[in-house]
Amino acid sequence: MRISGKAYKSIFNLFLIFTTAGFLWYVMQPKNLVSDKLKNNIQSSQSSEIPFTELSYRLDYSNHDPLTIENISLFGEEEKWHGSGFFDKDLYSEYPTSLNLAGSGKNNIVVTKNVALNLSKILNFDLALYYKSNPTYLEKGELFFLDNNKNKTSFVLPKLDGGWNFIDIPKEQFNNQENFNWAAISSAEFSFTPRPLTSIALNLGSLRGQAGQIVHNDWNSVNKKMLLLDKRNGEIGLLVRNISGAVATIKKITSVTNFIFQCSYRPLSTSAGGIFFRGNYENGQGYYFTLGGINSNGWQLYKIGQKGTETLAKGNINNFKFQFQDKYHLKIETKMNNIKTYFSNDGEKYVLLTSVNDNEFTSGGVGVAVSPAGVSLFNDFIFNQ
């Protein structure tokens, strides 16, 4: 079949139209400047840090204003709480006891303690409470303070979950009576009301006051409730507890390789605690040098890496046991692949515990670690490159 010149012209015009349209469609599409071949070789984006370049760093909480930290109660047997309850030696947030309370029916469970406190500089309270019953059985829980003139302030506790609850209580959310005086607190009180035809049981573990979240300016952690300042025997330090996270690192010290790092350690539980180094606080990978908890004499150097947890060295300090609240000193030294760990019970004479070589982690942050269910007190942080 023969095509006329007029038909040829029509076909040619259609060809130009489709070609032009196709070209315009192509040039208007968003282009990826990286070829598919190169794209397959690019790794997913990862976070990075600027290495810490200063030669030394010190962090010490002992000079903080003592009015900004208050251990209102650790619920120990020596504390004179009045009401129906008993001190529980089997379940506690911090060694050695908690205060167990139980009741049924629509009757208030009330315990009180006489105190003489100035809480004028306190901005937040931290309550550790273990709840044993069905959460729906508790109608109301309250914390009260009374001043020297019997004026009262109160805070209604939020809904409790089973197990340990670590409750942050902002001071501004208390309901104060007129003329209430935070500088002259005379007593603390807890009240719990079960619903009718139900019973509840709970343990009070600790109640502290803080002048805001001071420590979070200094430390990285996956859970801010891990870290508090603590005033014990007149000395202020960093209290670290394992709550959905085992480690915390000093914010300022990042991506360090060869260094000496030391700190003091006081065991407040039977779980281990110690130094975390060349590590990542977000995933817990890095090296750990820990001492045993109360009544232990063991130590351990291990890492959490690509293969999970691996022990690099461990041992015991003969004729010795770690005691509740006593101060000990840990030190680590890293140089390329070599790691050395030291122990001292006076902060002056250090004993070399082990020297090992490992190269899985060559740099990272430094800080502290506590084992599951652990609570430890740290201070006197000294870092040198």
Protein backbone atom coordinates (compact mmCIF):
# COMPACT_ATOMS: atom_id res chain seq x y z
CA MET A 1 0.00 0.00 0.00
CA ARG A 2 1.28 3.42 -0.96
CA ILE A 3 1.21 6.30 1.53
CA SER A 4 0.55 9.76 0.15
CA GLY A 5 2.76 12.80 0.87
CA LYS A 6 -0.03 14.33 2.91
CA ALA A 7 -0.16 11.20 5.11
CA TYR A 8 3.61 11.27 5.51
CA LYS A 9 3.38 14.83 6.75
CA SER A 10 0.67 13.93 9.29
CA ILE A 11 2.68 10.98 10.61
CA PHE A 12 5.77 13.15 10.88
CA ASN A 13 3.87 15.80 12.84
CA LEU A 14 2.53 13.20 15.25
CA PHE A 15 6.07 11.88 15.71
CA LEU A 16 7.31 15.38 16.58
CA ILE A 17 4.47 15.89 19.07
CA PHE A 18 5.10 12.60 20.92
CA THR A 19 8.88 13.09 20.87
CA THR A 20 8.64 16.61 22.25
CA ALA A 21 6.17 15.55 24.94
CA GLY A 22 8.41 12.69 25.98
CA PHE A 23 11.44 14.95 26.18
CA LEU A 24 9.60 17.53 28.28
CA TRP A 25 8.33 14.78 30.64
CA TYR A 26 11.88 13.48 31.09
CA VAL A 27 13.57 16.81 31.80
CA MET A 28 10.88 17.81 34.29
CA GLN A 29 11.33 14.70 36.48
CA PRO A 30 13.39 15.14 39.70
CA LYS A 31 16.83 13.64 39.13
CA ASN A 32 19.03 11.78 41.63
CA LEU A 33 22.59 12.97 41.06
CA VAL A 34 23.94 9.66 42.36
CA SER A 35 23.82 6.73 39.97
CA ASP A 36 22.04 3.55 41.02
CA LYS A 37 25.40 1.76 41.06
CA LEU A 38 26.89 4.34 43.45
CA LYS A 39 23.66 4.49 45.46
CA ASN A 40 23.99 0.82 46.33
CA ASN A 41 27.43 1.48 47.81
CA ILE A 42 26.35 4.36 50.07
CA GLN A 43 25.73 3.40 53.70
CA SER A 44 22.75 4.73 55.67
CA SER A 45 23.47 7.96 57.53
CA GLN A 46 25.09 7.57 60.96
CA SER A 47 25.54 9.98 63.84
CA SER A 48 29.02 11.30 64.51
CA GLU A 49 30.77 13.35 67.17
CA ILE A 50 33.57 15.87 67.34
CA PRO A 51 36.39 14.32 69.43
CA PHE A 52 37.10 15.84 72.83
CA THR A 53 40.41 17.68 72.45
CA GLU A 54 41.04 19.11 75.91
CA LEU A 55 43.83 17.42 77.83
CA SER A 56 41.91 17.07 81.11
CA TYR A 57 38.46 17.33 82.64
CA ARG A 58 37.13 17.14 86.20
CA LEU A 59 33.59 16.76 87.53
CA ASP A 60 32.88 16.88 91.26
CA TYR A 61 29.49 17.36 92.91
CA SER A 62 30.71 17.73 96.49
CA ASN A 63 30.63 21.54 96.36
CA HIS A 64 26.98 21.84 95.35
CA ASP A 65 24.71 23.86 97.61
CA PRO A 66 23.46 21.31 100.20
CA LEU A 67 20.03 23.00 100.27
CA THR A 68 19.49 21.99 96.63
CA ILE A 69 19.53 18.23 97.41
CA GLU A 70 17.60 16.46 100.14
CA ASN A 71 17.14 12.78 100.91
CA ILE A 72 13.80 13.17 102.65
CA SER A 73 13.51 9.43 103.29
CA LEU A 74 15.24 6.22 102.25
CA PHE A 75 12.74 4.23 104.33
CA GLY A 76 15.33 2.57 106.51
CA GLU A 77 14.65 0.94 109.85
CA GLU A 78 16.32 3.81 111.70
CA GLU A 79 13.73 6.25 110.35
CA LYS A 80 10.75 6.86 112.60
CA TRP A 81 7.71 6.48 110.38
CA HIS A 82 4.43 6.25 112.29
CA GLY A 83 1.46 4.21 111.07
CA SER A 84 0.64 0.67 110.04
CA GLY A 85 3.41 -0.97 108.04
CA PHE A 86 6.72 -2.79 108.35
CA PHE A 87 10.24 -2.47 106.97
CA ASP A 88 10.78 -4.98 104.17
CA LYS A 89 14.30 -6.43 103.84
CA ASP A 90 13.47 -8.55 100.79
CA LEU A 91 12.20 -5.82 98.45
CA TYR A 92 13.84 -2.42 98.20
CA SER A 93 14.95 0.22 95.74
CA GLU A 94 18.12 0.88 97.72
CA TYR A 95 19.68 -1.45 100.25
CA PRO A 96 18.71 -2.50 102.86
CA THR A 97 14.93 -1.91 103.27
CA SER A 98 11.71 -0.36 102.00
CA LEU A 99 8.49 0.46 103.87
CA ASN A 100 5.67 -2.01 103.17
CA LEU A 101 2.06 -0.76 103.43
CA ALA A 102 -1.15 -2.73 102.96
CA GLY A 103 -4.85 -2.23 103.55
CA SER A 104 -8.37 -3.01 102.33
CA GLY A 105 -11.77 -1.38 102.08
CA LYS A 106 -12.26 2.31 101.68
CA ASN A 107 -9.99 3.20 104.61
CA ASN A 108 -6.93 5.42 104.27
CA ILE A 109 -3.52 3.86 104.82
CA VAL A 110 -1.51 6.66 106.44
CA VAL A 111 2.13 6.93 107.51
CA THR A 112 3.87 10.06 108.80
CA LYS A 113 7.39 11.09 109.73
CA ASN A 114 8.53 14.09 111.74
CA VAL A 115 11.25 16.06 109.96
CA ALA A 116 12.98 19.43 110.17
CA LEU A 117 13.69 20.46 106.57
CA ASN A 118 14.20 23.55 104.50
CA LEU A 119 12.81 22.71 101.05
CA SER A 120 12.68 26.28 99.76
CA LYS A 121 15.27 25.60 97.01
CA ILE A 122 13.81 22.25 95.98
CA LEU A 123 12.00 22.25 92.62
CA ASN A 124 11.31 18.55 91.99
CA PHE A 125 10.72 15.49 94.13
CA ASP A 126 11.53 11.93 93.11
CA LEU A 127 9.53 9.05 94.61
CA ALA A 128 10.41 5.36 94.17
CA LEU A 129 7.38 3.18 94.89
CA TYR A 130 6.74 -0.52 94.23
CA TYR A 131 3.07 -1.29 93.61
CA LYS A 132 1.95 -4.91 94.10
CA SER A 133 -1.82 -4.86 93.50
CA ASN A 134 -4.22 -4.38 90.63
CA PRO A 135 -3.75 -0.73 89.52
CA THR A 136 -7.53 -0.20 89.45
CA TYR A 137 -7.79 -1.04 93.16
CA LEU A 138 -6.13 2.22 94.25
CA GLU A 139 -8.63 5.05 94.47
CA LYS A 140 -6.17 7.74 95.53
CA GLY A 141 -2.58 8.20 96.65
CA GLU A 142 -1.25 11.46 98.09
CA LEU A 143 1.97 12.97 99.41
CA PHE A 144 1.68 15.71 102.04
CA PHE A 145 4.07 18.11 103.76
CA LEU A 146 3.22 20.12 106.86
CA ASP A 147 5.07 23.24 107.99
CA ASN A 148 5.76 24.43 111.53
CA ASN A 149 2.39 26.22 111.64
CA LYS A 150 0.48 23.08 110.60
CA ASN A 151 -0.22 24.45 107.13
CA LYS A 152 -0.42 21.65 104.59
CA THR A 153 0.52 21.10 100.96
CA SER A 154 -0.46 18.01 98.94
CA PHE A 155 0.21 16.23 95.66
CA VAL A 156 -2.07 13.55 94.18
CA LEU A 157 0.04 10.71 92.79
CA PRO A 158 -0.56 9.63 89.17
CA LYS A 159 -1.94 6.20 88.30
CA LEU A 160 0.48 3.52 89.47
CA ASP A 161 1.71 0.59 87.39
CA GLY A 162 2.63 -2.81 88.76
CA GLY A 163 6.26 -3.02 89.90
CA TRP A 164 8.61 -0.11 90.49
CA ASN A 165 7.29 3.37 89.76
CA PHE A 166 9.79 6.26 89.65
CA ILE A 167 7.62 9.34 89.88
CA ASP A 168 8.80 12.88 89.14
CA ILE A 169 6.80 15.37 91.24
CA PRO A 170 7.20 19.05 90.26
CA LYS A 171 6.94 21.29 93.29
CA GLU A 172 4.74 23.71 91.35
CA GLN A 173 2.03 21.04 91.11
CA PHE A 174 1.50 20.83 94.87
CA ASN A 175 -1.72 22.28 96.23
CA ASN A 176 -0.58 24.66 98.99
CA GLN A 177 -2.63 26.07 101.82
CA GLU A 178 -2.37 29.81 102.27
CA ASN A 179 0.89 30.92 103.92
CA PHE A 180 2.48 27.49 103.56
CA ASN A 181 6.20 27.76 104.33
CA TRP A 182 8.53 25.46 102.34
CA ALA A 183 11.48 26.64 104.42
CA ALA A 184 10.10 25.15 107.65
CA ILE A 185 8.81 21.60 106.97
CA SER A 186 7.87 19.71 110.12
CA SER A 187 6.49 16.44 108.77
CA ALA A 188 5.99 14.29 105.65
CA GLU A 189 2.95 12.08 105.14
CA PHE A 190 1.64 9.48 102.68
CA SER A 191 -1.99 8.49 102.30
CA PHE A 192 -3.38 5.66 100.14
CA THR A 193 -7.09 4.85 99.75
CA PRO A 194 -8.20 1.45 98.36
CA ARG A 195 -11.50 1.20 96.51
CA PRO A 196 -14.36 -0.51 98.39
CA LEU A 197 -14.15 -4.31 98.50
CA THR A 198 -10.54 -4.31 97.32
CA SER A 199 -7.12 -4.47 98.99
CA ILE A 200 -3.79 -2.93 98.04
CA ALA A 201 -0.14 -3.46 98.94
CA LEU A 202 2.88 -1.34 98.08
CA ASN A 203 6.43 -0.51 99.17
CA LEU A 204 7.90 2.96 99.52
CA GLY A 205 11.53 2.95 98.39
CA SER A 206 12.91 6.51 98.46
CA LEU A 207 11.82 10.14 98.44
CA ARG A 208 14.27 12.85 97.36
CA GLY A 209 14.15 16.54 96.58
CA GLN A 210 16.26 18.25 93.89
CA ALA A 211 16.78 21.84 92.72
CA GLY A 212 15.71 20.90 89.18
CA GLN A 213 17.42 18.44 86.87
CA ILE A 214 20.98 19.59 87.53
CA VAL A 215 22.79 16.43 86.43
CA HIS A 216 21.21 16.33 82.97
CA ASN A 217 23.42 19.24 81.95
CA ASP A 218 26.44 17.00 82.53
CA TRP A 219 25.32 13.54 81.40
CA ASN A 220 23.88 11.59 78.47
CA SER A 221 21.47 8.74 79.28
CA VAL A 222 18.56 6.97 77.60
CA ASN A 223 16.35 7.56 80.64
CA LYS A 224 16.64 10.75 82.70
CA LYS A 225 15.18 9.00 85.74
CA MET A 226 18.43 7.02 85.99
CA LEU A 227 20.32 10.01 87.40
CA LEU A 228 19.89 12.01 90.60
CA LEU A 229 22.05 13.91 93.01
CA ASP A 230 22.23 12.31 96.45
CA LYS A 231 23.29 13.70 99.82
CA ARG A 232 24.58 10.95 102.08
CA ASN A 233 26.60 11.32 105.26
CA GLY A 234 27.04 14.99 104.40
CA GLU A 235 28.55 14.25 100.97
CA ILE A 236 26.86 14.95 97.64
CA GLY A 237 27.36 12.60 94.70
CA LEU A 238 25.78 11.22 91.53
CA LEU A 239 23.27 8.45 92.18
CA VAL A 240 22.84 6.11 89.20
CA ARG A 241 20.14 3.45 89.07
CA ASN A 242 19.37 0.97 86.32
CA ILE A 243 15.99 2.11 84.94
CA SER A 244 15.55 1.09 81.30
CA GLY A 245 19.23 1.78 80.83
CA ALA A 246 22.53 0.72 82.34
CA VAL A 247 24.98 3.45 81.33
CA ALA A 248 25.46 7.22 81.29
CA THR A 249 28.29 9.16 79.66
CA ILE A 250 29.73 12.60 80.33
CA LYS A 251 28.32 14.96 77.69
CA LYS A 252 31.49 16.93 77.20
CA ILE A 253 33.81 13.94 76.65
CA THR A 254 33.21 12.50 73.18
CA SER A 255 35.09 10.11 70.90
CA VAL A 256 38.20 9.73 73.03
CA THR A 257 40.79 7.02 72.35
CA ASN A 258 43.84 7.04 74.65
CA PHE A 259 43.20 8.30 78.18
CA ILE A 260 43.10 7.73 81.93
CA PHE A 261 39.71 7.97 83.63
CA GLN A 262 38.90 7.47 87.30
CA CYS A 263 36.04 7.99 89.76
CA SER A 264 34.85 7.04 93.21
CA TYR A 265 32.20 4.37 93.73
CA ARG A 266 29.86 3.60 96.64
CA PRO A 267 27.69 0.45 96.38
CA LEU A 268 24.05 1.03 97.39
CA SER A 269 22.78 -2.39 96.26
CA THR A 270 24.02 -5.93 95.81
CA SER A 271 24.41 -5.35 92.04
CA ALA A 272 27.67 -4.33 90.38
CA GLY A 273 28.61 -0.83 89.25
CA GLY A 274 31.59 0.87 87.68
CA ILE A 275 33.09 2.60 84.63
CA PHE A 276 31.78 2.53 81.04
CA PHE A 277 34.30 3.60 78.37
CA ARG A 278 34.94 3.76 74.65
CA GLY A 279 31.19 3.32 74.53
CA ASN A 280 27.88 4.46 73.08
CA TYR A 281 25.30 5.31 75.73
CA GLU A 282 22.40 4.88 73.28
CA ASN A 283 22.97 1.17 72.59
CA GLY A 284 25.22 0.24 75.53
CA GLN A 285 28.02 -1.04 73.30
CA GLY A 286 31.49 -0.51 74.69
CA TYR A 287 33.75 -1.63 77.54
CA TYR A 288 32.73 -2.05 81.19
CA PHE A 289 34.93 -2.21 84.28
CA THR A 290 32.74 -2.99 87.30
CA LEU A 291 33.11 -3.84 90.96
CA GLY A 292 30.69 -6.13 92.74
CA GLY A 293 27.89 -4.85 94.92
CA ILE A 294 27.51 -5.05 98.68
CA ASN A 295 29.18 -8.08 100.34
CA SER A 296 30.99 -9.00 97.11
CA ASN A 297 34.71 -8.86 96.41
CA GLY A 298 34.59 -9.49 92.67
CA TRP A 299 35.50 -7.32 89.70
CA GLN A 300 35.03 -7.76 85.97
CA LEU A 301 36.19 -6.26 82.67
CA TYR A 302 33.86 -7.06 79.80
CA LYS A 303 32.46 -5.63 76.60
CA ILE A 304 29.13 -5.55 74.81
CA GLY A 305 29.78 -5.65 71.08
CA GLN A 306 28.79 -7.31 67.84
CA LYS A 307 28.88 -10.76 69.45
CA GLY A 308 26.98 -9.72 72.56
CA THR A 309 28.54 -9.73 76.03
CA GLU A 310 32.10 -11.06 76.27
CA THR A 311 34.17 -11.24 79.46
CA LEU A 312 37.75 -10.06 78.94
CA ALA A 313 38.97 -10.57 82.53
CA LYS A 314 37.58 -11.09 86.01
CA GLY A 315 38.76 -11.86 89.50
CA ASN A 316 38.39 -11.32 93.23
CA ILE A 317 40.07 -9.09 95.79
CA ASN A 318 41.02 -11.57 98.50
CA ASN A 319 40.20 -11.00 102.19
CA PHE A 320 37.99 -8.08 101.28
CA LYS A 321 34.28 -7.27 100.76
CA PHE A 322 32.59 -4.15 99.48
CA GLN A 323 30.50 -2.53 102.20
CA PHE A 324 27.30 -0.53 101.95
CA GLN A 325 28.03 3.18 101.30
CA ASP A 326 31.81 2.82 101.73
CA LYS A 327 33.85 4.68 99.12
CA TYR A 328 36.16 2.89 96.66
CA HIS A 329 38.07 4.13 93.62
CA LEU A 330 38.28 2.75 90.08
CA LYS A 331 40.65 3.74 87.29
CA ILE A 332 41.12 2.63 83.70
CA GLU A 333 43.92 3.40 81.28
CA THR A 334 43.63 2.86 77.53
CA LYS A 335 46.47 3.04 75.03
CA MET A 336 45.71 1.80 71.51
CA ASN A 337 44.53 -1.82 71.95
CA ASN A 338 45.68 -2.12 75.57
CA ILE A 339 43.32 -1.67 78.53
CA LYS A 340 44.46 -1.56 82.15
CA THR A 341 42.16 -1.52 85.18
CA TYR A 342 43.05 -0.39 88.71
CA PHE A 343 41.43 -0.43 92.16
CA SER A 344 42.04 1.60 95.32
CA ASN A 345 40.29 1.77 98.66
CA ASP A 346 41.76 5.16 99.57
CA GLY A 347 42.09 7.02 96.27
CA GLU A 348 45.88 7.18 96.53
CA LYS A 349 47.41 3.71 96.27
CA TYR A 350 46.08 1.85 93.22
CA VAL A 351 46.48 -1.86 92.50
CA LEU A 352 46.62 -3.09 88.90
CA LEU A 353 43.90 -5.70 88.47
CA THR A 354 44.38 -6.65 84.83
CA SER A 355 45.93 -5.65 81.52
CA VAL A 356 44.29 -6.96 78.32
CA ASN A 357 44.40 -6.28 74.60
CA ASP A 358 41.22 -5.83 72.58
CA ASN A 359 40.51 -3.75 69.49
CA GLU A 360 36.76 -3.91 68.89
CA PHE A 361 36.22 -0.36 70.16
CA THR A 362 38.93 2.21 69.52
CA SER A 363 37.11 5.33 70.74
CA GLY A 364 33.88 6.52 72.34
CA GLY A 365 32.45 8.20 75.40
CA VAL A 366 33.26 7.63 79.06
CA GLY A 367 30.98 7.43 82.05
CA VAL A 368 29.42 5.03 84.54
CA ALA A 369 27.39 1.83 84.52
CA VAL A 370 25.17 -0.14 86.90
CA SER A 371 23.95 -3.72 86.56
CA PRO A 372 20.24 -4.68 86.46
CA ALA A 373 18.41 -3.73 89.69
CA GLY A 374 21.55 -1.84 90.67
CA VAL A 375 21.97 1.50 92.44
CA SER A 376 25.41 3.07 92.90
CA LEU A 377 26.82 6.41 93.97
CA PHE A 378 29.67 8.03 92.00
CA ASN A 379 31.78 11.17 92.24
CA ASP A 380 35.34 12.53 91.84
CA PHE A 381 35.47 12.12 88.05
CA ILE A 382 38.94 12.82 86.61
CA PHE A 383 39.82 12.47 82.92
CA ASN A 384 43.23 12.96 81.30
CA GLN A 385 44.38 12.42 77.70
